[in-house]
Amino acid sequence: MVVTGCLGAKEGVVAKVHPSVLAITGPHDTVGVMAAVHEHLPKPHDPYVDLVPPQGIKLTPRHYAYLKISEGCNHRCTFCIIPSMRGDLVSRPIAEVMQEAENLVKAGVKEILVISQDTSAYGVDVKYRTGFVRGKPVKTRMLDLCRALGELGVWVRLHYVYPYPHVDEVIPLMAQGKVLLYLDVPFQHASPRILRLMKRPASSERVLERIRAWREICPDITLRSTFIAGFPGETESEFAELLSFLEEAQLDRVGCFAYSPVEGAAANALPDAVPEPVKEERRRRFMEAQGKISAAKLQAKVGRTLRVLVDEPGVGRSAGDAPDIDGVVHFNSGKAGEFADVLIDRADEHDLYGRRL
């Protein structure tokens, strides 16, 4: 067992809990991982095994894949330690990103999930430098990347998008069917004071205006977000602001976490820490409120026919469902990796149920 990733970069953290692992490395340390493996298991040469496919080695099923477009983050959110471990934003060249995407599609991928620490900041660090895709100039910018990905003929799903004004430019691409009607925007809170303490680049008023504008163009857009309850200093009235925002925003998919004091996070030094029972009670109330919204949203889809990407026989996902974090569509039969049209018969708080047409 080899442990690799962010926590591996923090000396002693993993080893203290799991002293018997073979090796521990930091993020993106392919060389370190393979060196540890080969130290204990010398690598024989095999001309067949050594041939890596053009799409690389991925851990997801054959029909969907994650496409990482950048590393690191320029934000300094007080609850987060990612910049201290991964550094500032470093965008991958757009030609390299598109080559990987094209290789994935050629290998049978039907859905590309675009990810990074801040997808909407793609290209900021290189001043939106122009690259070349299939011989044509394309800027290293979120909008241009979405346009290029939209030409591949597969589902393109956007994750971890900050609500910057330029994100509005992507919504028309969704209306044209180039990008899935889905946005994962980590709002985190709604109280202006708490957002300032978090050092988040957003305000609830502008967010609500932007959401209304997005829905005017794409009424069926699915909006997903995450929030933190019990942030240091959060009062009951500020939590009430968060619940009010939730009711007004009517987000489709939501996750909420009770604030956790991650070692090294600046927020740990803030005064007026919220007691653990209160944090958990607020998280519970938040999810109860969202559960009602989610149930109503899904109930509105009963009677509709949805295009579904099959993950396994009888289980698939619509355009509004990202793998592992959102709900699923249950129906009869189906083969992994194929699309199916499913008539929705009923819904619960998280999932849809129907029959294949």
Protein backbone atom coordinates (compact mmCIF):
# COMPACT_ATOMS: atom_id res chain seq x y z
CA MET A 1 0.00 0.00 0.00
CA VAL A 2 1.41 3.36 -1.11
CA VAL A 3 -0.20 6.60 0.09
CA THR A 4 0.20 9.62 -2.19
CA GLY A 5 -1.40 13.07 -2.26
CA CYS A 6 -1.70 16.28 -0.27
CA LEU A 7 -1.50 14.77 3.21
CA GLY A 8 1.57 12.85 2.15
CA ALA A 9 3.40 16.16 1.92
CA LYS A 10 2.79 16.83 5.63
CA GLU A 11 5.53 14.89 7.35
CA GLY A 12 4.38 12.31 9.87
CA VAL A 13 0.60 12.82 9.49
CA VAL A 14 -0.15 9.61 7.56
CA ALA A 15 2.61 7.54 9.16
CA LYS A 16 1.22 8.25 12.63
CA VAL A 17 -2.13 6.68 11.71
CA HIS A 18 -0.92 4.04 9.25
CA PRO A 19 2.68 3.11 10.15
CA SER A 20 2.64 -0.07 8.07
CA VAL A 21 2.20 1.45 4.60
CA LEU A 22 4.98 0.80 2.12
CA ALA A 23 5.65 4.44 1.26
CA ILE A 24 4.21 7.94 1.55
CA THR A 25 4.67 10.67 -1.08
CA GLY A 26 3.33 14.13 -1.86
CA PRO A 27 0.91 15.02 -4.70
CA HIS A 28 1.77 14.22 -8.34
CA ASP A 29 4.91 12.31 -7.32
CA THR A 30 4.73 9.54 -9.91
CA VAL A 31 8.48 9.02 -9.77
CA GLY A 32 8.43 8.64 -5.98
CA VAL A 33 5.54 6.17 -6.07
CA MET A 34 7.15 3.99 -8.72
CA ALA A 35 10.54 4.14 -7.03
CA ALA A 36 8.97 2.81 -3.81
CA VAL A 37 7.20 0.02 -5.68
CA HIS A 38 10.27 -1.03 -7.63
CA GLU A 39 12.43 -0.97 -4.51
CA HIS A 40 10.39 -3.91 -3.23
CA LEU A 41 9.32 -5.38 -6.54
CA PRO A 42 11.92 -4.98 -9.33
CA LYS A 43 10.27 -4.13 -12.60
CA PRO A 44 10.71 -6.72 -15.35
CA HIS A 45 10.71 -5.45 -18.90
CA ASP A 46 7.58 -6.37 -20.82
CA PRO A 47 7.09 -4.75 -24.23
CA TYR A 48 3.31 -5.19 -23.97
CA VAL A 49 2.73 -4.10 -20.38
CA ASP A 50 5.10 -1.17 -20.82
CA LEU A 51 3.00 0.32 -23.60
CA VAL A 52 0.84 3.02 -22.01
CA PRO A 53 -2.33 3.81 -23.99
CA PRO A 54 -2.66 7.33 -25.47
CA GLN A 55 -5.32 8.30 -22.92
CA GLY A 56 -3.00 7.31 -20.05
CA ILE A 57 -4.02 5.20 -17.07
CA LYS A 58 -7.19 6.30 -15.32
CA LEU A 59 -9.11 4.92 -12.34
CA THR A 60 -12.61 5.82 -13.49
CA PRO A 61 -14.85 3.52 -15.56
CA ARG A 62 -14.25 3.50 -19.29
CA HIS A 63 -17.15 5.81 -20.13
CA TYR A 64 -16.25 8.89 -18.05
CA ALA A 65 -13.05 10.65 -17.01
CA TYR A 66 -11.81 13.66 -15.07
CA LEU A 67 -9.87 16.29 -16.99
CA LYS A 68 -7.66 18.41 -14.73
CA ILE A 69 -6.92 21.76 -16.35
CA SER A 70 -4.79 23.44 -13.67
CA GLU A 71 -3.05 22.92 -10.36
CA GLY A 72 -2.95 25.13 -7.27
CA CYS A 73 -5.05 28.16 -6.35
CA ASN A 74 -4.61 31.93 -6.05
CA HIS A 75 -7.27 32.31 -3.36
CA ARG A 76 -6.38 32.33 0.30
CA CYS A 77 -9.60 31.07 1.86
CA THR A 78 -9.03 30.96 5.60
CA PHE A 79 -10.46 27.45 6.01
CA CYS A 80 -8.26 25.92 3.29
CA ILE A 81 -4.62 24.80 3.15
CA ILE A 82 -4.46 23.81 -0.54
CA PRO A 83 -2.24 26.76 -1.60
CA SER A 84 0.28 25.89 1.10
CA MET A 85 0.60 22.37 -0.33
CA ARG A 86 -0.05 22.87 -4.04
CA GLY A 87 1.03 26.47 -4.55
CA ASP A 88 -0.51 29.19 -6.70
CA LEU A 89 -2.52 28.55 -9.84
CA VAL A 90 -0.61 26.90 -12.68
CA SER A 91 -2.71 26.37 -15.81
CA ARG A 92 -1.94 23.53 -18.19
CA PRO A 93 -1.35 24.58 -21.82
CA ILE A 94 -4.65 24.43 -23.67
CA ALA A 95 -3.15 22.33 -26.47
CA GLU A 96 -2.06 19.73 -23.90
CA VAL A 97 -5.48 19.74 -22.23
CA MET A 98 -7.31 19.34 -25.54
CA GLN A 99 -4.96 16.57 -26.67
CA GLU A 100 -5.75 14.64 -23.50
CA ALA A 101 -9.48 15.24 -24.00
CA GLU A 102 -9.34 14.03 -27.61
CA ASN A 103 -7.42 10.91 -26.58
CA LEU A 104 -10.05 10.16 -23.91
CA VAL A 105 -12.88 10.48 -26.43
CA LYS A 106 -11.06 8.22 -28.90
CA ALA A 107 -10.72 5.65 -26.08
CA GLY A 108 -14.49 5.57 -25.56
CA VAL A 109 -15.11 8.23 -22.90
CA LYS A 110 -18.65 9.64 -23.13
CA GLU A 111 -18.41 12.22 -20.33
CA ILE A 112 -15.56 14.59 -19.44
CA LEU A 113 -15.61 16.18 -16.00
CA VAL A 114 -13.53 19.36 -15.98
CA ILE A 115 -11.84 19.89 -12.61
CA SER A 116 -9.24 22.06 -10.89
CA GLN A 117 -9.03 24.02 -7.66
CA ASP A 118 -10.58 27.01 -9.49
CA THR A 119 -11.83 26.15 -12.97
CA SER A 120 -13.05 29.67 -13.72
CA ALA A 121 -9.53 31.08 -13.17
CA TYR A 122 -8.06 28.91 -15.93
CA GLY A 123 -5.43 30.89 -17.83
CA VAL A 124 -5.18 33.83 -15.43
CA ASP A 125 -1.58 32.94 -14.53
CA VAL A 126 -0.46 32.94 -18.20
CA LYS A 127 -2.53 36.01 -19.10
CA TYR A 128 -4.81 33.89 -21.30
CA ARG A 129 -1.93 32.97 -23.59
CA THR A 130 -2.90 31.77 -27.06
CA GLY A 131 -2.21 28.13 -27.87
CA PHE A 132 -3.02 26.03 -30.90
CA VAL A 133 -5.63 23.28 -31.11
CA ARG A 134 -5.79 21.39 -34.42
CA GLY A 135 -3.79 24.20 -35.96
CA LYS A 136 -6.20 26.93 -34.84
CA PRO A 137 -5.37 29.63 -32.26
CA VAL A 138 -7.27 29.18 -28.98
CA LYS A 139 -6.82 31.23 -25.82
CA THR A 140 -6.02 29.59 -22.50
CA ARG A 141 -9.34 30.66 -21.03
CA MET A 142 -12.36 28.89 -19.55
CA LEU A 143 -14.77 30.07 -22.27
CA ASP A 144 -12.48 29.07 -25.12
CA LEU A 145 -11.75 25.72 -23.49
CA CYS A 146 -15.48 25.04 -23.15
CA ARG A 147 -16.01 25.92 -26.80
CA ALA A 148 -13.27 23.51 -27.86
CA LEU A 149 -14.50 20.70 -25.59
CA GLY A 150 -18.03 21.29 -26.83
CA GLU A 151 -16.94 20.23 -30.32
CA LEU A 152 -15.95 16.72 -29.19
CA GLY A 153 -19.52 15.41 -29.13
CA VAL A 154 -19.48 14.15 -25.52
CA TRP A 155 -20.93 15.34 -22.23
CA VAL A 156 -18.80 18.14 -20.71
CA ARG A 157 -19.43 18.80 -17.00
CA LEU A 158 -17.93 21.80 -15.15
CA HIS A 159 -16.83 21.52 -11.52
CA TYR A 160 -15.46 23.98 -8.95
CA VAL A 161 -16.44 27.18 -10.74
CA TYR A 162 -16.26 30.44 -8.81
CA PRO A 163 -19.16 32.81 -9.63
CA TYR A 164 -17.07 35.36 -11.52
CA PRO A 165 -18.85 37.60 -14.08
CA HIS A 166 -17.11 35.90 -17.03
CA VAL A 167 -18.77 32.59 -16.10
CA ASP A 168 -21.95 34.15 -17.53
CA GLU A 169 -20.39 33.77 -21.00
CA VAL A 170 -20.45 29.98 -20.68
CA ILE A 171 -24.22 29.77 -20.08
CA PRO A 172 -25.12 30.35 -23.77
CA LEU A 173 -22.90 27.36 -24.65
CA MET A 174 -25.07 25.30 -22.33
CA ALA A 175 -28.19 26.59 -24.08
CA GLN A 176 -26.64 25.42 -27.37
CA GLY A 177 -26.00 21.94 -25.99
CA LYS A 178 -22.20 22.28 -26.15
CA VAL A 179 -21.74 21.95 -22.38
CA LEU A 180 -23.99 20.16 -19.88
CA LEU A 181 -26.59 22.26 -18.08
CA TYR A 182 -24.66 21.82 -14.84
CA LEU A 183 -22.46 24.05 -12.70
CA ASP A 184 -20.68 23.13 -9.48
CA VAL A 185 -20.13 26.42 -7.63
CA PRO A 186 -18.76 26.21 -4.06
CA PHE A 187 -20.55 29.19 -2.43
CA GLN A 188 -19.61 28.12 1.16
CA HIS A 189 -21.83 30.71 2.92
CA ALA A 190 -24.22 33.64 2.43
CA SER A 191 -23.57 36.00 5.35
CA PRO A 192 -21.42 38.96 4.17
CA ARG A 193 -19.42 39.00 7.41
CA ILE A 194 -18.74 35.26 7.36
CA LEU A 195 -17.75 35.42 3.69
CA ARG A 196 -15.25 38.17 4.57
CA LEU A 197 -13.85 36.05 7.40
CA MET A 198 -13.56 33.18 4.94
CA LYS A 199 -11.95 35.52 2.36
CA ARG A 200 -14.39 34.33 -0.27
CA PRO A 201 -14.73 36.39 -3.49
CA ALA A 202 -18.54 36.58 -3.56
CA SER A 203 -21.63 38.17 -2.05
CA SER A 204 -25.04 36.53 -1.68
CA GLU A 205 -26.86 39.42 -3.38
CA ARG A 206 -24.76 39.22 -6.55
CA VAL A 207 -24.89 35.43 -6.46
CA LEU A 208 -28.69 35.43 -6.41
CA GLU A 209 -28.82 37.91 -9.29
CA ARG A 210 -26.42 35.74 -11.27
CA ILE A 211 -28.41 32.57 -10.57
CA ARG A 212 -31.60 34.28 -11.78
CA ALA A 213 -29.83 35.39 -14.95
CA TRP A 214 -28.49 31.88 -15.60
CA ARG A 215 -31.95 30.37 -15.20
CA GLU A 216 -33.48 32.91 -17.56
CA ILE A 217 -31.18 31.58 -20.30
CA CYS A 218 -31.19 27.92 -19.18
CA PRO A 219 -34.28 27.14 -17.05
CA ASP A 220 -33.18 23.50 -16.67
CA ILE A 221 -29.67 24.25 -15.42
CA THR A 222 -28.60 22.13 -12.42
CA LEU A 223 -26.70 24.09 -9.79
CA ARG A 224 -24.59 22.28 -7.24
CA SER A 225 -22.76 23.81 -4.27
CA THR A 226 -21.13 23.15 -0.92
CA PHE A 227 -21.43 25.11 2.33
CA ILE A 228 -19.81 25.25 5.74
CA ALA A 229 -21.93 25.46 8.90
CA GLY A 230 -20.49 26.56 12.22
CA PHE A 231 -17.58 28.62 10.86
CA PRO A 232 -15.74 30.42 13.71
CA GLY A 233 -17.81 33.39 14.86
CA GLU A 234 -20.97 32.33 13.02
CA THR A 235 -23.99 33.55 15.00
CA GLU A 236 -27.48 32.08 14.92
CA SER A 237 -28.71 35.07 12.91
CA GLU A 238 -25.91 34.59 10.36
CA PHE A 239 -26.80 30.93 10.06
CA ALA A 240 -30.40 32.05 9.52
CA GLU A 241 -29.11 34.20 6.63
CA LEU A 242 -27.61 31.05 5.14
CA LEU A 243 -30.92 29.20 5.41
CA SER A 244 -32.71 32.16 3.84
CA PHE A 245 -30.25 32.16 0.95
CA LEU A 246 -30.79 28.44 0.48
CA GLU A 247 -34.55 28.92 0.29
CA GLU A 248 -34.24 31.75 -2.23
CA ALA A 249 -31.52 30.18 -4.38
CA GLN A 250 -33.33 26.83 -4.72
CA LEU A 251 -30.12 24.99 -5.58
CA ASP A 252 -30.51 21.50 -7.02
CA ARG A 253 -27.65 19.64 -5.36
CA VAL A 254 -26.06 20.72 -2.09
CA GLY A 255 -23.55 19.40 0.42
CA CYS A 256 -22.87 20.88 3.86
CA PHE A 257 -20.00 20.30 6.24
CA ALA A 258 -19.64 21.27 9.87
CA TYR A 259 -16.52 23.44 10.13
CA SER A 260 -13.43 21.35 10.82
CA PRO A 261 -10.24 23.01 12.11
CA VAL A 262 -7.75 21.68 9.56
CA GLU A 263 -4.19 21.99 10.83
CA GLY A 264 -2.54 25.06 9.31
CA ALA A 265 -5.75 26.85 8.31
CA ALA A 266 -5.85 30.55 9.21
CA ALA A 267 -9.48 30.28 10.36
CA ASN A 268 -8.40 28.25 13.37
CA ALA A 269 -7.06 31.44 14.95
CA LEU A 270 -10.38 33.30 14.62
CA PRO A 271 -12.23 34.04 17.88
CA ASP A 272 -15.61 32.69 19.02
CA ALA A 273 -15.31 29.09 17.90
CA VAL A 274 -18.71 27.43 17.56
CA PRO A 275 -19.19 24.45 19.92
CA GLU A 276 -19.18 21.05 18.20
CA PRO A 277 -22.80 20.18 19.11
CA VAL A 278 -23.99 23.51 17.68
CA LYS A 279 -22.00 23.02 14.48
CA GLU A 280 -23.48 19.59 13.96
CA GLU A 281 -27.01 20.78 14.82
CA ARG A 282 -26.74 23.58 12.24
CA ARG A 283 -25.43 21.20 9.62
CA ARG A 284 -28.39 18.91 10.28
CA ARG A 285 -30.90 21.76 10.02
CA PHE A 286 -29.27 22.93 6.82
CA MET A 287 -29.49 19.50 5.20
CA GLU A 288 -33.10 19.08 6.33
CA ALA A 289 -34.00 22.36 4.62
CA GLN A 290 -32.12 21.37 1.47
CA GLY A 291 -33.70 17.91 1.52
CA LYS A 292 -37.14 19.48 1.05
CA ILE A 293 -35.86 21.60 -1.83
CA SER A 294 -34.17 18.63 -3.47
CA ALA A 295 -37.27 16.45 -3.14
CA ALA A 296 -39.45 19.13 -4.76
CA LYS A 297 -36.92 19.66 -7.56
CA LEU A 298 -36.80 15.96 -8.37
CA GLN A 299 -40.57 15.54 -8.07
CA ALA A 300 -40.93 18.15 -10.82
CA LYS A 301 -39.09 15.77 -13.16
CA VAL A 302 -41.68 13.01 -12.79
CA GLY A 303 -43.37 12.45 -16.13
CA ARG A 304 -40.40 13.73 -18.12
CA THR A 305 -38.11 11.69 -20.34
CA LEU A 306 -34.43 12.17 -19.48
CA ARG A 307 -31.29 11.25 -21.38
CA VAL A 308 -29.25 9.03 -19.07
CA LEU A 309 -25.66 7.79 -19.22
CA VAL A 310 -25.63 4.23 -17.88
CA ASP A 311 -23.06 3.52 -15.15
CA GLU A 312 -24.12 -0.08 -14.54
CA PRO A 313 -27.17 -2.17 -15.47
CA GLY A 314 -30.22 -0.42 -14.05
CA VAL A 315 -28.36 2.65 -12.77
CA GLY A 316 -27.41 5.79 -14.65
CA ARG A 317 -27.09 9.54 -14.41
CA SER A 318 -28.85 12.41 -16.12
CA ALA A 319 -27.18 15.67 -17.14
CA GLY A 320 -27.94 16.91 -13.63
CA ASP A 321 -26.03 14.15 -11.85
CA ALA A 322 -22.26 14.06 -11.41
CA PRO A 323 -20.74 10.68 -10.46
CA ASP A 324 -20.26 9.85 -6.78
CA ILE A 325 -21.57 13.16 -5.39
CA ASP A 326 -25.10 13.50 -6.81
CA GLY A 327 -28.10 11.21 -7.09
CA VAL A 328 -28.75 8.59 -9.76
CA VAL A 329 -31.55 7.39 -12.02
CA HIS A 330 -32.82 3.85 -11.41
CA PHE A 331 -34.44 2.03 -14.32
CA ASN A 332 -34.64 -1.34 -16.04
CA SER A 333 -31.62 -2.87 -17.82
CA GLY A 334 -28.94 -0.89 -19.67
CA LYS A 335 -25.26 -1.46 -20.42
CA ALA A 336 -22.46 0.60 -18.85
CA GLY A 337 -21.30 3.38 -21.14
CA GLU A 338 -24.39 3.62 -23.32
CA PHE A 339 -27.04 6.33 -23.35
CA ALA A 340 -30.69 5.58 -22.62
CA ASP A 341 -33.93 7.54 -22.66
CA VAL A 342 -35.75 7.02 -19.36
CA LEU A 343 -39.32 8.04 -18.53
CA ILE A 344 -39.34 9.15 -14.88
CA ASP A 345 -42.13 7.55 -12.83
CA ARG A 346 -41.25 8.68 -9.31
CA ALA A 347 -38.66 10.47 -7.19
CA ASP A 348 -37.39 10.65 -3.63
CA GLU A 349 -35.13 13.16 -1.89
CA HIS A 350 -32.03 12.22 -3.89
CA ASP A 351 -32.79 9.81 -6.75
CA LEU A 352 -35.10 9.32 -9.70
CA TYR A 353 -36.86 6.11 -10.78
CA GLY A 354 -38.22 5.27 -14.19
CA ARG A 355 -38.34 2.90 -17.14
CA ARG A 356 -36.31 2.79 -20.29
CA LEU A 357 -38.15 3.69 -23.49
